[in-house]
């Protein structure tokens, strides 16, 4: 089995709202992660109303929002 860790953007994470195979880390308009914790969706809709800009530190996993 191939091990990978994917950080992705470009599609607002709100599209994952009804996805049963993951969760939001910090509520609405936040980083979404799948159940295996190897896929992170970082696009939190910063160009949309109520959206945020998200960043995650690759070394510590700390999350930042603006």
PDB file of N, CA and C in Angstrom:
ATOM      1  N   UNK A   1       0.829  -1.169   0.000  1.00  0.00           N
ATOM      2  CA  UNK A   1       0.000   0.000   0.000  1.00  0.00           C
ATOM      3  C   UNK A   1       0.883   1.246   0.000  1.00  0.00           C
ATOM      4  N   UNK A   2       0.562   2.198  -0.842  1.00  0.00           N
ATOM      5  CA  UNK A   2       1.324   3.431  -0.944  1.00  0.00           C
ATOM      6  C   UNK A   2       0.879   4.405   0.137  1.00  0.00           C
ATOM      7  N   UNK A   3       1.848   4.952   0.850  1.00  0.00           N
ATOM      8  CA  UNK A   3       1.568   5.974   1.851  1.00  0.00           C
ATOM      9  C   UNK A   3       1.716   7.346   1.208  1.00  0.00           C
ATOM     10  N   UNK A   4       0.735   8.191   1.423  1.00  0.00           N
ATOM     11  CA  UNK A   4       0.822   9.548   0.907  1.00  0.00           C
ATOM     12  C   UNK A   4       0.103  10.488   1.852  1.00  0.00           C
ATOM     13  N   UNK A   5       0.413  11.768   1.704  1.00  0.00           N
ATOM     14  CA  UNK A   5      -0.230  12.816   2.473  1.00  0.00           C
ATOM     15  C   UNK A   5      -0.468  13.953   1.500  1.00  0.00           C
ATOM     16  N   UNK A   6      -1.718  14.302   1.271  1.00  0.00           N
ATOM     17  CA  UNK A   6      -2.076  15.283   0.247  1.00  0.00           C
ATOM     18  C   UNK A   6      -2.676  16.532   0.892  1.00  0.00           C
ATOM     19  N   UNK A   7      -2.116  17.681   0.554  1.00  0.00           N
ATOM     20  CA  UNK A   7      -2.673  18.976   0.940  1.00  0.00           C
ATOM     21  C   UNK A   7      -3.166  19.615  -0.354  1.00  0.00           C
ATOM     22  N   UNK A   8      -4.438  19.930  -0.411  1.00  0.00           N
ATOM     23  CA  UNK A   8      -4.999  20.430  -1.655  1.00  0.00           C
ATOM     24  C   UNK A   8      -5.844  21.667  -1.428  1.00  0.00           C
ATOM     25  N   UNK A   9      -6.092  22.387  -2.481  1.00  0.00           N
ATOM     26  CA  UNK A   9      -6.922  23.579  -2.447  1.00  0.00           C
ATOM     27  C   UNK A   9      -7.664  23.690  -3.758  1.00  0.00           C
ATOM     28  N   UNK A  10      -8.078  24.884  -4.081  1.00  0.00           N
ATOM     29  CA  UNK A  10      -8.683  25.218  -5.363  1.00  0.00           C
ATOM     30  C   UNK A  10     -10.156  24.824  -5.462  1.00  0.00           C
ATOM     31  N   UNK A  11     -10.680  24.071  -4.518  1.00  0.00           N
ATOM     32  CA  UNK A  11     -12.112  23.793  -4.439  1.00  0.00           C
ATOM     33  C   UNK A  11     -12.517  24.018  -2.993  1.00  0.00           C
ATOM     34  N   UNK A  12     -13.467  24.909  -2.786  1.00  0.00           N
ATOM     35  CA  UNK A  12     -13.899  25.273  -1.434  1.00  0.00           C
ATOM     36  C   UNK A  12     -14.272  24.026  -0.637  1.00  0.00           C
ATOM     37  N   UNK A  13     -13.707  23.882   0.560  1.00  0.00           N
ATOM     38  CA  UNK A  13     -13.950  22.705   1.390  1.00  0.00           C
ATOM     39  C   UNK A  13     -15.418  22.557   1.789  1.00  0.00           C
ATOM     40  N   UNK A  14     -16.228  23.598   1.629  1.00  0.00           N
ATOM     41  CA  UNK A  14     -17.652  23.496   1.988  1.00  0.00           C
ATOM     42  C   UNK A  14     -18.373  22.466   1.128  1.00  0.00           C
ATOM     43  N   UNK A  15     -17.789  22.096  -0.003  1.00  0.00           N
ATOM     44  CA  UNK A  15     -18.397  21.057  -0.842  1.00  0.00           C
ATOM     45  C   UNK A  15     -18.334  19.686  -0.166  1.00  0.00           C
ATOM     46  N   UNK A  16     -17.559  19.556   0.901  1.00  0.00           N
ATOM     47  CA  UNK A  16     -17.430  18.296   1.625  1.00  0.00           C
ATOM     48  C   UNK A  16     -18.431  18.184   2.770  1.00  0.00           C
ATOM     49  N   UNK A  17     -19.341  19.134   2.888  1.00  0.00           N
ATOM     50  CA  UNK A  17     -20.256  19.220   4.024  1.00  0.00           C
ATOM     51  C   UNK A  17     -20.967  17.901   4.334  1.00  0.00           C
ATOM     52  N   UNK A  18     -21.442  17.211   3.325  1.00  0.00           N
ATOM     53  CA  UNK A  18     -22.181  15.959   3.535  1.00  0.00           C
ATOM     54  C   UNK A  18     -21.324  14.710   3.329  1.00  0.00           C
ATOM     55  N   UNK A  19     -20.024  14.868   3.242  1.00  0.00           N
ATOM     56  CA  UNK A  19     -19.141  13.725   3.031  1.00  0.00           C
ATOM     57  C   UNK A  19     -18.954  12.981   4.364  1.00  0.00           C
ATOM     58  N   UNK A  20     -19.415  11.725   4.454  1.00  0.00           N
ATOM     59  CA  UNK A  20     -19.322  10.985   5.721  1.00  0.00           C
ATOM     60  C   UNK A  20     -17.924  10.446   6.022  1.00  0.00           C
ATOM     61  N   UNK A  21     -16.970  10.676   5.141  1.00  0.00           N
ATOM     62  CA  UNK A  21     -15.638  10.085   5.300  1.00  0.00           C
ATOM     63  C   UNK A  21     -14.594  11.089   5.767  1.00  0.00           C
ATOM     64  N   UNK A  22     -15.036  12.116   6.479  1.00  0.00           N
ATOM     65  CA  UNK A  22     -14.095  13.103   6.972  1.00  0.00           C
ATOM     66  C   UNK A  22     -14.780  14.088   7.889  1.00  0.00           C
ATOM     67  N   UNK A  23     -14.021  15.125   8.270  1.00  0.00           N
ATOM     68  CA  UNK A  23     -14.580  16.110   9.194  1.00  0.00           C
ATOM     69  C   UNK A  23     -13.865  17.449   9.020  1.00  0.00           C
ATOM     70  N   UNK A  24     -14.543  18.507   9.478  1.00  0.00           N
ATOM     71  CA  UNK A  24     -13.932  19.831   9.533  1.00  0.00           C
ATOM     72  C   UNK A  24     -13.149  19.944  10.832  1.00  0.00           C
ATOM     73  N   UNK A  25     -11.978  20.522  10.767  1.00  0.00           N
ATOM     74  CA  UNK A  25     -11.137  20.612  11.952  1.00  0.00           C
ATOM     75  C   UNK A  25     -11.536  21.752  12.885  1.00  0.00           C
ATOM     76  N   UNK A  26     -12.090  22.823  12.341  1.00  0.00           N
ATOM     77  CA  UNK A  26     -12.390  24.005  13.147  1.00  0.00           C
ATOM     78  C   UNK A  26     -13.739  24.624  12.789  1.00  0.00           C
ATOM     79  N   UNK A  27     -14.745  23.818  12.562  1.00  0.00           N
ATOM     80  CA  UNK A  27     -16.077  24.331  12.241  1.00  0.00           C
ATOM     81  C   UNK A  27     -16.229  24.716  10.779  1.00  0.00           C
ATOM     82  N   UNK A  28     -17.312  25.416  10.476  1.00  0.00           N
ATOM     83  CA  UNK A  28     -17.588  25.824   9.091  1.00  0.00           C
ATOM     84  C   UNK A  28     -16.460  26.670   8.530  1.00  0.00           C
ATOM     85  N   UNK A  29     -16.266  26.569   7.230  1.00  0.00           N
ATOM     86  CA  UNK A  29     -15.223  27.320   6.524  1.00  0.00           C
ATOM     87  C   UNK A  29     -13.860  27.069   7.159  1.00  0.00           C
ATOM     88  N   UNK A  30     -13.551  25.806   7.380  1.00  0.00           N
ATOM     89  CA  UNK A  30     -12.246  25.453   7.934  1.00  0.00           C
ATOM     90  C   UNK A  30     -11.653  24.291   7.145  1.00  0.00           C
ATOM     91  N   UNK A  31     -10.457  23.908   7.508  1.00  0.00           N
ATOM     92  CA  UNK A  31      -9.764  22.809   6.848  1.00  0.00           C
ATOM     93  C   UNK A  31     -10.549  21.513   7.060  1.00  0.00           C
ATOM     94  N   UNK A  32     -10.722  20.763   5.972  1.00  0.00           N
ATOM     95  CA  UNK A  32     -11.411  19.474   6.015  1.00  0.00           C
ATOM     96  C   UNK A  32     -10.361  18.379   5.896  1.00  0.00           C
ATOM     97  N   UNK A  33     -10.516  17.288   6.659  1.00  0.00           N
ATOM     98  CA  UNK A  33      -9.584  16.161   6.597  1.00  0.00           C
ATOM     99  C   UNK A  33     -10.386  14.862   6.485  1.00  0.00           C
ATOM    100  N   UNK A  34      -9.861  13.921   5.709  1.00  0.00           N
ATOM    101  CA  UNK A  34     -10.564  12.638   5.577  1.00  0.00           C
ATOM    102  C   UNK A  34     -10.300  11.760   6.797  1.00  0.00           C
ATOM    103  N   UNK A  35     -11.006  10.645   6.881  1.00  0.00           N
ATOM    104  CA  UNK A  35     -10.906   9.752   8.040  1.00  0.00           C
ATOM    105  C   UNK A  35      -9.505   9.177   8.239  1.00  0.00           C
ATOM    106  N   UNK A  36      -8.763   8.983   7.168  1.00  0.00           N
ATOM    107  CA  UNK A  36      -7.406   8.443   7.277  1.00  0.00           C
ATOM    108  C   UNK A  36      -6.380   9.511   7.651  1.00  0.00           C
ATOM    109  N   UNK A  37      -6.824  10.766   7.655  1.00  0.00           N
ATOM    110  CA  UNK A  37      -5.979  11.924   7.952  1.00  0.00           C
ATOM    111  C   UNK A  37      -4.762  12.004   7.033  1.00  0.00           C
ATOM    112  N   UNK A  38      -5.002  11.691   5.748  1.00  0.00           N
ATOM    113  CA  UNK A  38      -3.920  11.841   4.774  1.00  0.00           C
ATOM    114  C   UNK A  38      -4.325  12.736   3.602  1.00  0.00           C
ATOM    115  N   UNK A  39      -5.547  13.276   3.632  1.00  0.00           N
ATOM    116  CA  UNK A  39      -5.991  14.248   2.633  1.00  0.00           C
ATOM    117  C   UNK A  39      -6.576  15.443   3.378  1.00  0.00           C
ATOM    118  N   UNK A  40      -5.999  16.613   3.119  1.00  0.00           N
ATOM    119  CA  UNK A  40      -6.453  17.859   3.743  1.00  0.00           C
ATOM    120  C   UNK A  40      -6.894  18.818   2.650  1.00  0.00           C
ATOM    121  N   UNK A  41      -8.086  19.382   2.793  1.00  0.00           N
ATOM    122  CA  UNK A  41      -8.581  20.396   1.856  1.00  0.00           C
ATOM    123  C   UNK A  41      -8.443  21.748   2.539  1.00  0.00           C
ATOM    124  N   UNK A  42      -7.571  22.601   1.989  1.00  0.00           N
ATOM    125  CA  UNK A  42      -7.210  23.858   2.632  1.00  0.00           C
ATOM    126  C   UNK A  42      -7.974  25.068   2.106  1.00  0.00           C
ATOM    127  N   UNK A  43      -8.710  24.932   1.018  1.00  0.00           N
ATOM    128  CA  UNK A  43      -9.456  26.066   0.472  1.00  0.00           C
ATOM    129  C   UNK A  43     -10.719  26.253   1.304  1.00  0.00           C
ATOM    130  N   UNK A  44     -10.755  27.312   2.083  1.00  0.00           N
ATOM    131  CA  UNK A  44     -11.889  27.571   2.976  1.00  0.00           C
ATOM    132  C   UNK A  44     -12.760  28.717   2.471  1.00  0.00           C
ATOM    133  N   UNK A  45     -12.709  28.974   1.162  1.00  0.00           N
ATOM    134  CA  UNK A  45     -13.589  29.955   0.546  1.00  0.00           C
ATOM    135  C   UNK A  45     -13.241  31.395   0.836  1.00  0.00           C
ATOM    136  N   UNK A  46     -11.960  31.750   0.867  1.00  0.00           N
ATOM    137  CA  UNK A  46     -11.570  33.113   1.233  1.00  0.00           C
ATOM    138  C   UNK A  46     -12.123  34.157   0.267  1.00  0.00           C
ATOM    139  N   UNK A  47     -12.493  33.774  -0.927  1.00  0.00           N
ATOM    140  CA  UNK A  47     -13.070  34.719  -1.882  1.00  0.00           C
ATOM    141  C   UNK A  47     -14.585  34.796  -1.808  1.00  0.00           C
ATOM    142  N   UNK A  48     -15.191  34.052  -0.912  1.00  0.00           N
ATOM    143  CA  UNK A  48     -16.647  33.998  -0.770  1.00  0.00           C
ATOM    144  C   UNK A  48     -17.081  34.678   0.525  1.00  0.00           C
ATOM    145  N   UNK A  49     -18.351  35.102   0.621  1.00  0.00           N
ATOM    146  CA  UNK A  49     -18.829  35.667   1.879  1.00  0.00           C
ATOM    147  C   UNK A  49     -18.648  34.649   3.019  1.00  0.00           C
ATOM    148  N   UNK A  50     -18.177  35.094   4.141  1.00  0.00           N
ATOM    149  CA  UNK A  50     -17.925  34.279   5.333  1.00  0.00           C
ATOM    150  C   UNK A  50     -16.793  33.271   5.174  1.00  0.00           C
ATOM    151  N   UNK A  51     -16.090  33.297   4.052  1.00  0.00           N
ATOM    152  CA  UNK A  51     -14.972  32.378   3.846  1.00  0.00           C
ATOM    153  C   UNK A  51     -13.729  32.853   4.572  1.00  0.00           C
ATOM    154  N   UNK A  52     -12.746  31.969   4.669  1.00  0.00           N
ATOM    155  CA  UNK A  52     -11.487  32.297   5.350  1.00  0.00           C
ATOM    156  C   UNK A  52     -10.302  31.795   4.542  1.00  0.00           C
ATOM    157  N   UNK A  53      -9.166  32.399   4.777  1.00  0.00           N
ATOM    158  CA  UNK A  53      -7.904  31.939   4.223  1.00  0.00           C
ATOM    159  C   UNK A  53      -7.285  31.002   5.257  1.00  0.00           C
ATOM    160  N   UNK A  54      -6.892  29.815   4.841  1.00  0.00           N
ATOM    161  CA  UNK A  54      -6.343  28.823   5.769  1.00  0.00           C
ATOM    162  C   UNK A  54      -4.892  28.508   5.435  1.00  0.00           C
ATOM    163  N   UNK A  55      -4.147  28.171   6.472  1.00  0.00           N
ATOM    164  CA  UNK A  55      -2.753  27.779   6.324  1.00  0.00           C
ATOM    165  C   UNK A  55      -2.468  26.706   7.374  1.00  0.00           C
ATOM    166  N   UNK A  56      -1.636  25.734   7.029  1.00  0.00           N
ATOM    167  CA  UNK A  56      -1.256  24.692   7.989  1.00  0.00           C
ATOM    168  C   UNK A  56       0.262  24.551   7.965  1.00  0.00           C
ATOM    169  N   UNK A  57       0.864  24.512   9.131  1.00  0.00           N
ATOM    170  CA  UNK A  57       2.307  24.326   9.246  1.00  0.00           C
ATOM    171  C   UNK A  57       2.616  22.853   8.988  1.00  0.00           C
ATOM    172  N   UNK A  58       3.413  22.561   7.996  1.00  0.00           N
ATOM    173  CA  UNK A  58       3.730  21.183   7.637  1.00  0.00           C
ATOM    174  C   UNK A  58       4.574  20.484   8.687  1.00  0.00           C
ATOM    175  N   UNK A  59       5.333  21.234   9.472  1.00  0.00           N
ATOM    176  CA  UNK A  59       6.181  20.624  10.488  1.00  0.00           C
ATOM    177  C   UNK A  59       5.436  20.313  11.781  1.00  0.00           C
ATOM    178  N   UNK A  60       4.504  21.197  12.185  1.00  0.00           N
ATOM    179  CA  UNK A  60       3.846  21.020  13.485  1.00  0.00           C
ATOM    180  C   UNK A  60       2.351  20.662  13.372  1.00  0.00           C
ATOM    181  N   UNK A  61       1.755  20.920  12.211  1.00  0.00           N
ATOM    182  CA  UNK A  61       0.327  20.674  12.048  1.00  0.00           C
ATOM    183  C   UNK A  61      -0.550  21.795  12.571  1.00  0.00           C
ATOM    184  N   UNK A  62       0.087  22.864  13.102  1.00  0.00           N
ATOM    185  CA  UNK A  62      -0.670  24.008  13.617  1.00  0.00           C
ATOM    186  C   UNK A  62      -1.436  24.672  12.475  1.00  0.00           C
ATOM    187  N   UNK A  63      -2.675  25.086  12.752  1.00  0.00           N
ATOM    188  CA  UNK A  63      -3.540  25.680  11.737  1.00  0.00           C
ATOM    189  C   UNK A  63      -3.722  27.170  12.015  1.00  0.00           C
ATOM    190  N   UNK A  64      -3.763  27.956  10.924  1.00  0.00           N
ATOM    191  CA  UNK A  64      -3.951  29.404  11.011  1.00  0.00           C
ATOM    192  C   UNK A  64      -5.054  29.806  10.053  1.00  0.00           C
ATOM    193  N   UNK A  65      -5.841  30.798  10.422  1.00  0.00           N
ATOM    194  CA  UNK A  65      -6.912  31.323   9.578  1.00  0.00           C
ATOM    195  C   UNK A  65      -6.867  32.833   9.581  1.00  0.00           C
ATOM    196  N   UNK A  66      -7.254  33.421   8.457  1.00  0.00           N
ATOM    197  CA  UNK A  66      -7.364  34.883   8.352  1.00  0.00           C
ATOM    198  C   UNK A  66      -8.690  35.235   7.728  1.00  0.00           C
TER     199      UNK A  66
END
